[in-house]
PDB file of all heavy atoms in Angstrom:
ATOM      1  N   HIS A   1       8.819 -35.897 -34.744  1.00  0.00           N
ATOM      2  CA  HIS A   1       8.894 -36.641 -33.485  1.00  0.00           C
ATOM      3  C   HIS A   1      10.269 -36.622 -32.849  1.00  0.00           C
ATOM      4  O   HIS A   1      10.425 -37.005 -31.693  1.00  0.00           O
ATOM      5  CB  HIS A   1       8.468 -38.101 -33.707  1.00  0.00           C
ATOM      6  CG  HIS A   1       7.048 -38.258 -34.195  1.00  0.00           C
ATOM      7  ND1 HIS A   1       5.983 -37.594 -33.602  1.00  0.00           N
ATOM      8  CD2 HIS A   1       6.524 -38.984 -35.210  1.00  0.00           C
ATOM      9  CE1 HIS A   1       4.863 -37.905 -34.221  1.00  0.00           C
ATOM     10  NE2 HIS A   1       5.167 -38.739 -35.209  1.00  0.00           N
ATOM     11  N   GLY A   2      11.279 -36.179 -33.602  1.00  0.00           N
ATOM     12  CA  GLY A   2      12.614 -36.045 -33.035  1.00  0.00           C
ATOM     13  C   GLY A   2      13.156 -37.361 -32.497  1.00  0.00           C
ATOM     14  O   GLY A   2      13.213 -38.367 -33.203  1.00  0.00           O
ATOM     15  N   ALA A   3      13.560 -37.356 -31.218  1.00  0.00           N
ATOM     16  CA  ALA A   3      14.184 -38.517 -30.600  1.00  0.00           C
ATOM     17  C   ALA A   3      13.167 -39.500 -30.011  1.00  0.00           C
ATOM     18  O   ALA A   3      13.566 -40.528 -29.443  1.00  0.00           O
ATOM     19  CB  ALA A   3      15.159 -38.059 -29.520  1.00  0.00           C
ATOM     20  N   ASP A   4      11.883 -39.208 -30.135  1.00  0.00           N
ATOM     21  CA  ASP A   4      10.864 -40.107 -29.604  1.00  0.00           C
ATOM     22  C   ASP A   4      10.633 -41.254 -30.578  1.00  0.00           C
ATOM     23  O   ASP A   4       9.671 -41.260 -31.362  1.00  0.00           O
ATOM     24  CB  ASP A   4       9.558 -39.319 -29.369  1.00  0.00           C
ATOM     25  CG  ASP A   4       8.540 -40.133 -28.577  1.00  0.00           C
ATOM     26  OD1 ASP A   4       8.811 -41.314 -28.280  1.00  0.00           O
ATOM     27  OD2 ASP A   4       7.460 -39.589 -28.243  1.00  0.00           O
ATOM     28  N   LEU A   5      11.500 -42.251 -30.526  1.00  0.00           N
ATOM     29  CA  LEU A   5      11.486 -43.346 -31.509  1.00  0.00           C
ATOM     30  C   LEU A   5      10.226 -44.191 -31.428  1.00  0.00           C
ATOM     31  O   LEU A   5       9.872 -44.867 -32.408  1.00  0.00           O
ATOM     32  CB  LEU A   5      12.715 -44.238 -31.322  1.00  0.00           C
ATOM     33  CG  LEU A   5      14.077 -43.603 -31.571  1.00  0.00           C
ATOM     34  CD1 LEU A   5      15.174 -44.644 -31.445  1.00  0.00           C
ATOM     35  CD2 LEU A   5      14.142 -42.954 -32.949  1.00  0.00           C
ATOM     36  N   ASP A   6       9.550 -44.209 -30.290  1.00  0.00           N
ATOM     37  CA  ASP A   6       8.344 -45.034 -30.137  1.00  0.00           C
ATOM     38  C   ASP A   6       7.244 -44.595 -31.088  1.00  0.00           C
ATOM     39  O   ASP A   6       6.333 -45.377 -31.385  1.00  0.00           O
ATOM     40  CB  ASP A   6       7.854 -45.006 -28.692  1.00  0.00           C
ATOM     41  CG  ASP A   6       8.815 -45.695 -27.736  1.00  0.00           C
ATOM     42  OD1 ASP A   6       9.546 -46.596 -28.194  1.00  0.00           O
ATOM     43  OD2 ASP A   6       8.837 -45.350 -26.534  1.00  0.00           O
ATOM     44  N   LYS A   7       7.282 -43.356 -31.555  1.00  0.00           N
ATOM     45  CA  LYS A   7       6.246 -42.843 -32.437  1.00  0.00           C
ATOM     46  C   LYS A   7       6.586 -43.030 -33.915  1.00  0.00           C
ATOM     47  O   LYS A   7       5.812 -42.662 -34.787  1.00  0.00           O
ATOM     48  CB  LYS A   7       5.997 -41.349 -32.164  1.00  0.00           C
ATOM     49  CG  LYS A   7       5.423 -41.065 -30.782  1.00  0.00           C
ATOM     50  CD  LYS A   7       5.166 -39.570 -30.611  1.00  0.00           C
ATOM     51  CE  LYS A   7       4.557 -39.275 -29.254  1.00  0.00           C
ATOM     52  NZ  LYS A   7       4.325 -37.818 -29.046  1.00  0.00           N
ATOM     53  N   TYR A   8       7.754 -43.629 -34.189  1.00  0.00           N
ATOM     54  CA  TYR A   8       8.194 -43.756 -35.584  1.00  0.00           C
ATOM     55  C   TYR A   8       7.411 -44.847 -36.313  1.00  0.00           C
ATOM     56  O   TYR A   8       7.047 -45.889 -35.742  1.00  0.00           O
ATOM     57  CB  TYR A   8       9.691 -44.081 -35.627  1.00  0.00           C
ATOM     58  CG  TYR A   8      10.583 -42.854 -35.509  1.00  0.00           C
ATOM     59  CD1 TYR A   8      10.318 -41.857 -34.568  1.00  0.00           C
ATOM     60  CD2 TYR A   8      11.681 -42.693 -36.343  1.00  0.00           C
ATOM     61  CE1 TYR A   8      11.142 -40.746 -34.464  1.00  0.00           C
ATOM     62  CE2 TYR A   8      12.511 -41.570 -36.250  1.00  0.00           C
ATOM     63  CZ  TYR A   8      12.229 -40.615 -35.307  1.00  0.00           C
ATOM     64  OH  TYR A   8      13.040 -39.511 -35.214  1.00  0.00           O
ATOM     65  N   ASP A   9       7.196 -44.626 -37.593  1.00  0.00           N
ATOM     66  CA  ASP A   9       6.388 -45.510 -38.424  1.00  0.00           C
ATOM     67  C   ASP A   9       7.019 -46.867 -38.650  1.00  0.00           C
ATOM     68  O   ASP A   9       6.339 -47.869 -38.790  1.00  0.00           O
ATOM     69  CB  ASP A   9       6.122 -44.825 -39.758  1.00  0.00           C
ATOM     70  CG  ASP A   9       5.237 -45.634 -40.692  1.00  0.00           C
ATOM     71  OD1 ASP A   9       3.996 -45.571 -40.544  1.00  0.00           O
ATOM     72  OD2 ASP A   9       5.767 -46.344 -41.573  1.00  0.00           O
ATOM     73  N   HIS A  10       8.349 -46.928 -38.692  1.00  0.00           N
ATOM     74  CA  HIS A  10       9.006 -48.172 -39.074  1.00  0.00           C
ATOM     75  C   HIS A  10       8.842 -49.290 -38.057  1.00  0.00           C
ATOM     76  O   HIS A  10       9.089 -50.457 -38.366  1.00  0.00           O
ATOM     77  CB  HIS A  10      10.502 -47.923 -39.361  1.00  0.00           C
ATOM     78  CG  HIS A  10      11.318 -47.639 -38.146  1.00  0.00           C
ATOM     79  ND1 HIS A  10      11.270 -46.440 -37.485  1.00  0.00           N
ATOM     80  CD2 HIS A  10      12.239 -48.393 -37.490  1.00  0.00           C
ATOM     81  CE1 HIS A  10      12.113 -46.453 -36.474  1.00  0.00           C
ATOM     82  NE2 HIS A  10      12.702 -47.623 -36.446  1.00  0.00           N
ATOM     83  N   HIS A  11       8.408 -48.963 -36.823  1.00  0.00           N
ATOM     84  CA  HIS A  11       8.154 -50.016 -35.852  1.00  0.00           C
ATOM     85  C   HIS A  11       6.892 -50.797 -36.206  1.00  0.00           C
ATOM     86  O   HIS A  11       6.820 -52.022 -35.975  1.00  0.00           O
ATOM     87  CB  HIS A  11       8.032 -49.418 -34.458  1.00  0.00           C
ATOM     88  CG  HIS A  11       9.277 -48.770 -33.959  1.00  0.00           C
ATOM     89  ND1 HIS A  11      10.494 -49.421 -33.909  1.00  0.00           N
ATOM     90  CD2 HIS A  11       9.524 -47.511 -33.503  1.00  0.00           C
ATOM     91  CE1 HIS A  11      11.427 -48.609 -33.436  1.00  0.00           C
ATOM     92  NE2 HIS A  11      10.859 -47.447 -33.192  1.00  0.00           N
ATOM     93  N   ASP A  12       5.905 -50.116 -36.773  1.00  0.00           N
ATOM     94  CA  ASP A  12       4.665 -50.779 -37.181  1.00  0.00           C
ATOM     95  C   ASP A  12       4.762 -51.339 -38.604  1.00  0.00           C
ATOM     96  O   ASP A  12       4.147 -52.383 -38.909  1.00  0.00           O
ATOM     97  CB  ASP A  12       3.493 -49.800 -37.103  1.00  0.00           C
ATOM     98  CG  ASP A  12       3.225 -49.325 -35.696  1.00  0.00           C
ATOM     99  OD1 ASP A  12       3.327 -50.149 -34.765  1.00  0.00           O
ATOM    100  OD2 ASP A  12       2.921 -48.128 -35.512  1.00  0.00           O
ATOM    101  N   PHE A  13       5.502 -50.647 -39.475  1.00  0.00           N
ATOM    102  CA  PHE A  13       5.630 -51.066 -40.865  1.00  0.00           C
ATOM    103  C   PHE A  13       7.106 -51.075 -41.249  1.00  0.00           C
ATOM    104  O   PHE A  13       7.592 -50.173 -41.906  1.00  0.00           O
ATOM    105  CB  PHE A  13       4.843 -50.122 -41.772  1.00  0.00           C
ATOM    106  CG  PHE A  13       3.388 -49.999 -41.393  1.00  0.00           C
ATOM    107  CD1 PHE A  13       2.931 -48.951 -40.611  1.00  0.00           C
ATOM    108  CD2 PHE A  13       2.480 -50.965 -41.824  1.00  0.00           C
ATOM    109  CE1 PHE A  13       1.588 -48.844 -40.270  1.00  0.00           C
ATOM    110  CE2 PHE A  13       1.141 -50.856 -41.484  1.00  0.00           C
ATOM    111  CZ  PHE A  13       0.693 -49.795 -40.697  1.00  0.00           C
ATOM    112  N   PRO A  14       7.840 -52.130 -40.805  1.00  0.00           N
ATOM    113  CA  PRO A  14       9.290 -52.165 -41.007  1.00  0.00           C
ATOM    114  C   PRO A  14       9.739 -52.466 -42.428  1.00  0.00           C
ATOM    115  O   PRO A  14      10.875 -52.211 -42.798  1.00  0.00           O
ATOM    116  CB  PRO A  14       9.749 -53.282 -40.073  1.00  0.00           C
ATOM    117  CG  PRO A  14       8.552 -54.190 -39.990  1.00  0.00           C
ATOM    118  CD  PRO A  14       7.361 -53.297 -40.062  1.00  0.00           C
ATOM    119  N   GLY A  15       8.829 -52.977 -43.264  1.00  0.00           N
ATOM    120  CA  GLY A  15       9.213 -53.364 -44.609  1.00  0.00           C
ATOM    121  C   GLY A  15       9.833 -54.753 -44.627  1.00  0.00           C
ATOM    122  O   GLY A  15      10.062 -55.378 -43.603  1.00  0.00           O
ATOM    123  N   VAL A  16      10.173 -55.226 -45.831  1.00  0.00           N
ATOM    124  CA  VAL A  16      10.736 -56.569 -45.988  1.00  0.00           C
ATOM    125  C   VAL A  16      12.148 -56.630 -45.414  1.00  0.00           C
ATOM    126  O   VAL A  16      12.525 -57.593 -44.765  1.00  0.00           O
ATOM    127  CB  VAL A  16      10.741 -56.959 -47.479  1.00  0.00           C
ATOM    128  CG1 VAL A  16      11.346 -58.336 -47.671  1.00  0.00           C
ATOM    129  CG2 VAL A  16       9.314 -56.927 -48.040  1.00  0.00           C
ATOM    130  N   VAL A  17      12.935 -55.591 -45.685  1.00  0.00           N
ATOM    131  CA  VAL A  17      14.297 -55.508 -45.160  1.00  0.00           C
ATOM    132  C   VAL A  17      14.488 -54.109 -44.544  1.00  0.00           C
ATOM    133  O   VAL A  17      13.870 -53.153 -44.982  1.00  0.00           O
ATOM    134  CB  VAL A  17      15.341 -55.745 -46.277  1.00  0.00           C
ATOM    135  CG1 VAL A  17      15.388 -57.208 -46.674  1.00  0.00           C
ATOM    136  CG2 VAL A  17      15.065 -54.875 -47.475  1.00  0.00           C
ATOM    137  N   PRO A  18      15.330 -53.992 -43.553  1.00  0.00           N
ATOM    138  CA  PRO A  18      15.574 -52.678 -42.963  1.00  0.00           C
ATOM    139  C   PRO A  18      16.350 -51.767 -43.911  1.00  0.00           C
ATOM    140  O   PRO A  18      17.187 -52.221 -44.681  1.00  0.00           O
ATOM    141  CB  PRO A  18      16.401 -52.993 -41.710  1.00  0.00           C
ATOM    142  CG  PRO A  18      17.090 -54.277 -42.024  1.00  0.00           C
ATOM    143  CD  PRO A  18      16.124 -55.061 -42.883  1.00  0.00           C
ATOM    144  N   ARG A  19      16.051 -50.485 -43.844  1.00  0.00           N
ATOM    145  CA  ARG A  19      16.722 -49.496 -44.663  1.00  0.00           C
ATOM    146  C   ARG A  19      17.458 -48.512 -43.769  1.00  0.00           C
ATOM    147  O   ARG A  19      17.096 -48.302 -42.606  1.00  0.00           O
ATOM    148  CB  ARG A  19      15.725 -48.759 -45.541  1.00  0.00           C
ATOM    149  CG  ARG A  19      15.129 -49.604 -46.681  1.00  0.00           C
ATOM    150  CD  ARG A  19      16.196 -49.940 -47.721  1.00  0.00           C
ATOM    151  NE  ARG A  19      15.646 -50.637 -48.866  1.00  0.00           N
ATOM    152  CZ  ARG A  19      16.363 -51.075 -49.880  1.00  0.00           C
ATOM    153  NH1 ARG A  19      17.656 -50.836 -49.899  1.00  0.00           N
ATOM    154  NH2 ARG A  19      15.786 -51.722 -50.895  1.00  0.00           N
ATOM    155  N   THR A  20      18.463 -47.862 -44.318  1.00  0.00           N
ATOM    156  CA  THR A  20      19.224 -46.901 -43.556  1.00  0.00           C
ATOM    157  C   THR A  20      18.442 -45.614 -43.317  1.00  0.00           C
ATOM    158  O   THR A  20      17.650 -45.193 -44.151  1.00  0.00           O
ATOM    159  CB  THR A  20      20.566 -46.567 -44.243  1.00  0.00           C
ATOM    160  OG1 THR A  20      21.278 -45.608 -43.457  1.00  0.00           O
ATOM    161  CG2 THR A  20      20.330 -45.997 -45.630  1.00  0.00           C
ATOM    162  N   PHE A  21      18.683 -44.995 -42.182  1.00  0.00           N
ATOM    163  CA  PHE A  21      18.075 -43.702 -41.858  1.00  0.00           C
ATOM    164  C   PHE A  21      18.973 -42.535 -42.231  1.00  0.00           C
ATOM    165  O   PHE A  21      18.561 -41.375 -42.086  1.00  0.00           O
ATOM    166  CB  PHE A  21      17.790 -43.625 -40.337  1.00  0.00           C
ATOM    167  CG  PHE A  21      16.472 -44.199 -39.937  1.00  0.00           C
ATOM    168  CD1 PHE A  21      16.321 -45.551 -39.728  1.00  0.00           C
ATOM    169  CD2 PHE A  21      15.360 -43.384 -39.760  1.00  0.00           C
ATOM    170  CE1 PHE A  21      15.107 -46.096 -39.348  1.00  0.00           C
ATOM    171  CE2 PHE A  21      14.140 -43.911 -39.387  1.00  0.00           C
ATOM    172  CZ  PHE A  21      14.013 -45.278 -39.178  1.00  0.00           C
ATOM    173  N   ILE A  22      20.184 -42.804 -42.708  1.00  0.00           N
ATOM    174  CA  ILE A  22      21.155 -41.727 -42.904  1.00  0.00           C
ATOM    175  C   ILE A  22      20.684 -40.735 -43.956  1.00  0.00           C
ATOM    176  O   ILE A  22      20.798 -39.511 -43.763  1.00  0.00           O
ATOM    177  CB  ILE A  22      22.531 -42.324 -43.251  1.00  0.00           C
ATOM    178  CG1 ILE A  22      23.088 -43.043 -42.022  1.00  0.00           C
ATOM    179  CG2 ILE A  22      23.484 -41.235 -43.707  1.00  0.00           C
ATOM    180  CD1 ILE A  22      24.399 -43.759 -42.259  1.00  0.00           C
ATOM    181  N   GLY A  23      20.150 -41.212 -45.058  1.00  0.00           N
ATOM    182  CA  GLY A  23      19.660 -40.288 -46.083  1.00  0.00           C
ATOM    183  C   GLY A  23      18.513 -39.457 -45.570  1.00  0.00           C
ATOM    184  O   GLY A  23      18.468 -38.218 -45.775  1.00  0.00           O
ATOM    185  N   SER A  24      17.579 -40.083 -44.882  1.00  0.00           N
ATOM    186  CA  SER A  24      16.438 -39.357 -44.310  1.00  0.00           C
ATOM    187  C   SER A  24      16.897 -38.352 -43.263  1.00  0.00           C
ATOM    188  O   SER A  24      16.350 -37.242 -43.178  1.00  0.00           O
ATOM    189  CB  SER A  24      15.454 -40.335 -43.677  1.00  0.00           C
ATOM    190  OG  SER A  24      15.000 -41.280 -44.632  1.00  0.00           O
ATOM    191  N   LEU A  25      17.878 -38.745 -42.477  1.00  0.00           N
ATOM    192  CA  LEU A  25      18.422 -37.851 -41.445  1.00  0.00           C
ATOM    193  C   LEU A  25      19.041 -36.601 -42.066  1.00  0.00           C
ATOM    194  O   LEU A  25      18.841 -35.474 -41.607  1.00  0.00           O
ATOM    195  CB  LEU A  25      19.446 -38.613 -40.606  1.00  0.00           C
ATOM    196  CG  LEU A  25      19.894 -37.985 -39.283  1.00  0.00           C
ATOM    197  CD1 LEU A  25      18.719 -37.822 -38.327  1.00  0.00           C
ATOM    198  CD2 LEU A  25      20.983 -38.850 -38.652  1.00  0.00           C
ATOM    199  N   PHE A  26      19.790 -36.793 -43.150  1.00  0.00           N
ATOM    200  CA  PHE A  26      20.443 -35.675 -43.825  1.00  0.00           C
ATOM    201  C   PHE A  26      19.419 -34.747 -44.464  1.00  0.00           C
ATOM    202  O   PHE A  26      19.518 -33.514 -44.323  1.00  0.00           O
ATOM    203  CB  PHE A  26      21.435 -36.202 -44.868  1.00  0.00           C
ATOM    204  CG  PHE A  26      22.248 -35.126 -45.511  1.00  0.00           C
ATOM    205  CD1 PHE A  26      23.271 -34.512 -44.823  1.00  0.00           C
ATOM    206  CD2 PHE A  26      21.992 -34.727 -46.816  1.00  0.00           C
ATOM    207  CE1 PHE A  26      24.032 -33.511 -45.411  1.00  0.00           C
ATOM    208  CE2 PHE A  26      22.743 -33.730 -47.421  1.00  0.00           C
ATOM    209  CZ  PHE A  26      23.765 -33.117 -46.710  1.00  0.00           C
ATOM    210  N   ILE A  27      18.441 -35.308 -45.156  1.00  0.00           N
ATOM    211  CA  ILE A  27      17.416 -34.489 -45.789  1.00  0.00           C
ATOM    212  C   ILE A  27      16.593 -33.751 -44.735  1.00  0.00           C
ATOM    213  O   ILE A  27      16.253 -32.567 -44.912  1.00  0.00           O
ATOM    214  CB  ILE A  27      16.489 -35.354 -46.664  1.00  0.00           C
ATOM    215  CG1 ILE A  27      17.289 -36.031 -47.775  1.00  0.00           C
ATOM    216  CG2 ILE A  27      15.357 -34.516 -47.250  1.00  0.00           C
ATOM    217  CD1 ILE A  27      17.992 -35.074 -48.704  1.00  0.00           C
ATOM    218  N   SER A  28      16.317 -34.405 -43.616  1.00  0.00           N
ATOM    219  CA  SER A  28      15.588 -33.748 -42.525  1.00  0.00           C
ATOM    220  C   SER A  28      16.357 -32.558 -41.981  1.00  0.00           C
ATOM    221  O   SER A  28      15.785 -31.508 -41.700  1.00  0.00           O
ATOM    222  CB  SER A  28      15.285 -34.757 -41.423  1.00  0.00           C
ATOM    223  OG  SER A  28      14.509 -35.837 -41.898  1.00  0.00           O
ATOM    224  N   GLY A  29      17.659 -32.763 -41.797  1.00  0.00           N
ATOM    225  CA  GLY A  29      18.488 -31.666 -41.285  1.00  0.00           C
ATOM    226  C   GLY A  29      18.497 -30.484 -42.230  1.00  0.00           C
ATOM    227  O   GLY A  29      18.377 -29.317 -41.791  1.00  0.00           O
ATOM    228  N   CYS A  30      18.591 -30.744 -43.537  1.00  0.00           N
ATOM    229  CA  CYS A  30      18.580 -29.657 -44.515  1.00  0.00           C
ATOM    230  C   CYS A  30      17.213 -29.006 -44.617  1.00  0.00           C
ATOM    231  O   CYS A  30      17.097 -27.799 -44.911  1.00  0.00           O
ATOM    232  CB  CYS A  30      19.014 -30.181 -45.888  1.00  0.00           C
ATOM    233  SG  CYS A  30      20.704 -30.789 -45.975  1.00  0.00           S
ATOM    234  N   SER A  31      16.152 -29.779 -44.378  1.00  0.00           N
ATOM    235  CA  SER A  31      14.787 -29.267 -44.517  1.00  0.00           C
ATOM    236  C   SER A  31      14.282 -28.569 -43.264  1.00  0.00           C
ATOM    237  O   SER A  31      13.298 -27.819 -43.334  1.00  0.00           O
ATOM    238  CB  SER A  31      13.816 -30.412 -44.836  1.00  0.00           C
ATOM    239  OG  SER A  31      14.227 -31.142 -45.965  1.00  0.00           O
ATOM    240  N   PHE A  32      14.937 -28.814 -42.124  1.00  0.00           N
ATOM    241  CA  PHE A  32      14.418 -28.356 -40.832  1.00  0.00           C
ATOM    242  C   PHE A  32      14.052 -26.869 -40.799  1.00  0.00           C
ATOM    243  O   PHE A  32      12.943 -26.509 -40.367  1.00  0.00           O
ATOM    244  CB  PHE A  32      15.422 -28.693 -39.734  1.00  0.00           C
ATOM    245  CG  PHE A  32      14.961 -28.282 -38.367  1.00  0.00           C
ATOM    246  CD1 PHE A  32      14.016 -29.007 -37.670  1.00  0.00           C
ATOM    247  CD2 PHE A  32      15.488 -27.136 -37.759  1.00  0.00           C
ATOM    248  CE1 PHE A  32      13.579 -28.628 -36.413  1.00  0.00           C
ATOM    249  CE2 PHE A  32      15.071 -26.738 -36.511  1.00  0.00           C
ATOM    250  CZ  PHE A  32      14.110 -27.466 -35.824  1.00  0.00           C
ATOM    251  N   PRO A  33      14.938 -25.969 -41.211  1.00  0.00           N
ATOM    252  CA  PRO A  33      14.559 -24.533 -41.121  1.00  0.00           C
ATOM    253  C   PRO A  33      13.373 -24.188 -41.992  1.00  0.00           C
ATOM    254  O   PRO A  33      12.535 -23.353 -41.604  1.00  0.00           O
ATOM    255  CB  PRO A  33      15.820 -23.801 -41.566  1.00  0.00           C
ATOM    256  CG  PRO A  33      16.641 -24.822 -42.302  1.00  0.00           C
ATOM    257  CD  PRO A  33      16.325 -26.117 -41.681  1.00  0.00           C
ATOM    258  N   PHE A  34      13.245 -24.810 -43.161  1.00  0.00           N
ATOM    259  CA  PHE A  34      12.127 -24.525 -44.058  1.00  0.00           C
ATOM    260  C   PHE A  34      10.822 -25.060 -43.468  1.00  0.00           C
ATOM    261  O   PHE A  34       9.767 -24.413 -43.546  1.00  0.00           O
ATOM    262  CB  PHE A  34      12.389 -25.147 -45.422  1.00  0.00           C
ATOM    263  CG  PHE A  34      13.652 -24.699 -46.075  1.00  0.00           C
ATOM    264  CD1 PHE A  34      14.746 -25.553 -46.150  1.00  0.00           C
ATOM    265  CD2 PHE A  34      13.780 -23.410 -46.595  1.00  0.00           C
ATOM    266  CE1 PHE A  34      15.932 -25.138 -46.745  1.00  0.00           C
ATOM    267  CE2 PHE A  34      14.966 -22.995 -47.190  1.00  0.00           C
ATOM    268  CZ  PHE A  34      16.036 -23.862 -47.260  1.00  0.00           C
ATOM    269  N   VAL A  35      10.892 -26.233 -42.867  1.00  0.00           N
ATOM    270  CA  VAL A  35       9.701 -26.828 -42.257  1.00  0.00           C
ATOM    271  C   VAL A  35       9.263 -26.027 -41.036  1.00  0.00           C
ATOM    272  O   VAL A  35       8.053 -25.804 -40.820  1.00  0.00           O
ATOM    273  CB  VAL A  35       9.958 -28.294 -41.877  1.00  0.00           C
ATOM    274  CG1 VAL A  35       8.821 -28.870 -41.048  1.00  0.00           C
ATOM    275  CG2 VAL A  35      10.177 -29.140 -43.127  1.00  0.00           C
ATOM    276  N   GLN A  36      10.231 -25.562 -40.258  1.00  0.00           N
ATOM    277  CA  GLN A  36       9.884 -24.746 -39.081  1.00  0.00           C
ATOM    278  C   GLN A  36       9.194 -23.453 -39.510  1.00  0.00           C
ATOM    279  O   GLN A  36       8.206 -23.023 -38.896  1.00  0.00           O
ATOM    280  CB  GLN A  36      11.127 -24.422 -38.272  1.00  0.00           C
ATOM    281  CG  GLN A  36      11.738 -25.626 -37.556  1.00  0.00           C
ATOM    282  CD  GLN A  36      10.770 -26.248 -36.555  1.00  0.00           C
ATOM    283  OE1 GLN A  36      10.276 -27.347 -36.775  1.00  0.00           O
ATOM    284  NE2 GLN A  36      10.478 -25.537 -35.492  1.00  0.00           N
ATOM    285  N   PHE A  37       9.689 -22.841 -40.566  1.00  0.00           N
ATOM    286  CA  PHE A  37       9.057 -21.612 -41.076  1.00  0.00           C
ATOM    287  C   PHE A  37       7.669 -21.911 -41.615  1.00  0.00           C
ATOM    288  O   PHE A  37       6.737 -21.125 -41.411  1.00  0.00           O
ATOM    289  CB  PHE A  37       9.926 -20.991 -42.173  1.00  0.00           C
ATOM    290  CG  PHE A  37       9.360 -19.728 -42.748  1.00  0.00           C
ATOM    291  CD1 PHE A  37       9.404 -18.543 -42.032  1.00  0.00           C
ATOM    292  CD2 PHE A  37       8.789 -19.733 -44.013  1.00  0.00           C
ATOM    293  CE1 PHE A  37       8.862 -17.371 -42.558  1.00  0.00           C
ATOM    294  CE2 PHE A  37       8.251 -18.566 -44.552  1.00  0.00           C
ATOM    295  CZ  PHE A  37       8.277 -17.383 -43.822  1.00  0.00           C
ATOM    296  N   ALA A  38       7.524 -23.049 -42.283  1.00  0.00           N
ATOM    297  CA  ALA A  38       6.213 -23.440 -42.821  1.00  0.00           C
ATOM    298  C   ALA A  38       5.209 -23.616 -41.696  1.00  0.00           C
ATOM    299  O   ALA A  38       4.045 -23.192 -41.804  1.00  0.00           O
ATOM    300  CB  ALA A  38       6.341 -24.733 -43.630  1.00  0.00           C
ATOM    301  N   LYS A  39       5.620 -24.249 -40.608  1.00  0.00           N
ATOM    302  CA  LYS A  39       4.720 -24.421 -39.467  1.00  0.00           C
ATOM    303  C   LYS A  39       4.384 -23.079 -38.832  1.00  0.00           C
ATOM    304  O   LYS A  39       3.254 -22.835 -38.392  1.00  0.00           O
ATOM    305  CB  LYS A  39       5.350 -25.359 -38.440  1.00  0.00           C
ATOM    306  CG  LYS A  39       5.443 -26.811 -38.916  1.00  0.00           C
ATOM    307  CD  LYS A  39       5.770 -27.765 -37.776  1.00  0.00           C
ATOM    308  CE  LYS A  39       7.176 -27.623 -37.303  1.00  0.00           C
ATOM    309  NZ  LYS A  39       7.530 -28.663 -36.285  1.00  0.00           N
ATOM    310  N   PHE A  40       5.371 -22.171 -38.814  1.00  0.00           N
ATOM    311  CA  PHE A  40       5.164 -20.845 -38.207  1.00  0.00           C
ATOM    312  C   PHE A  40       4.101 -20.047 -38.944  1.00  0.00           C
ATOM    313  O   PHE A  40       3.304 -19.333 -38.330  1.00  0.00           O
ATOM    314  CB  PHE A  40       6.485 -20.099 -38.186  1.00  0.00           C
ATOM    315  CG  PHE A  40       6.381 -18.690 -37.664  1.00  0.00           C
ATOM    316  CD1 PHE A  40       6.214 -18.444 -36.299  1.00  0.00           C
ATOM    317  CD2 PHE A  40       6.436 -17.609 -38.545  1.00  0.00           C
ATOM    318  CE1 PHE A  40       6.113 -17.131 -35.833  1.00  0.00           C
ATOM    319  CE2 PHE A  40       6.322 -16.305 -38.079  1.00  0.00           C
ATOM    320  CZ  PHE A  40       6.157 -16.076 -36.710  1.00  0.00           C
ATOM    321  N   ILE A  41       4.079 -20.166 -40.275  1.00  0.00           N
ATOM    322  CA  ILE A  41       3.100 -19.384 -41.056  1.00  0.00           C
ATOM    323  C   ILE A  41       1.804 -20.155 -41.302  1.00  0.00           C
ATOM    324  O   ILE A  41       0.923 -19.683 -42.034  1.00  0.00           O
ATOM    325  CB  ILE A  41       3.694 -18.939 -42.411  1.00  0.00           C
ATOM    326  CG1 ILE A  41       4.071 -20.128 -43.290  1.00  0.00           C
ATOM    327  CG2 ILE A  41       4.907 -18.042 -42.172  1.00  0.00           C
ATOM    328  CD1 ILE A  41       4.582 -19.735 -44.670  1.00  0.00           C
ATOM    329  N   GLY A  42       1.683 -21.339 -40.683  1.00  0.00           N
ATOM    330  CA  GLY A  42       0.432 -22.049 -40.718  1.00  0.00           C
ATOM    331  C   GLY A  42       0.218 -23.006 -41.884  1.00  0.00           C
ATOM    332  O   GLY A  42      -0.915 -23.391 -42.157  1.00  0.00           O
TER     333      GLY A  42
END
């Protein structure tokens, strides 16, 4: 969903306490080329 925050899951299910997005952001950045290739090959 990229920058479209309205589609993010945490708005509907925020959890008991808020958590940082920094770890998820870093893993997403490292995973991005592999995920793009995965989508390309179906």
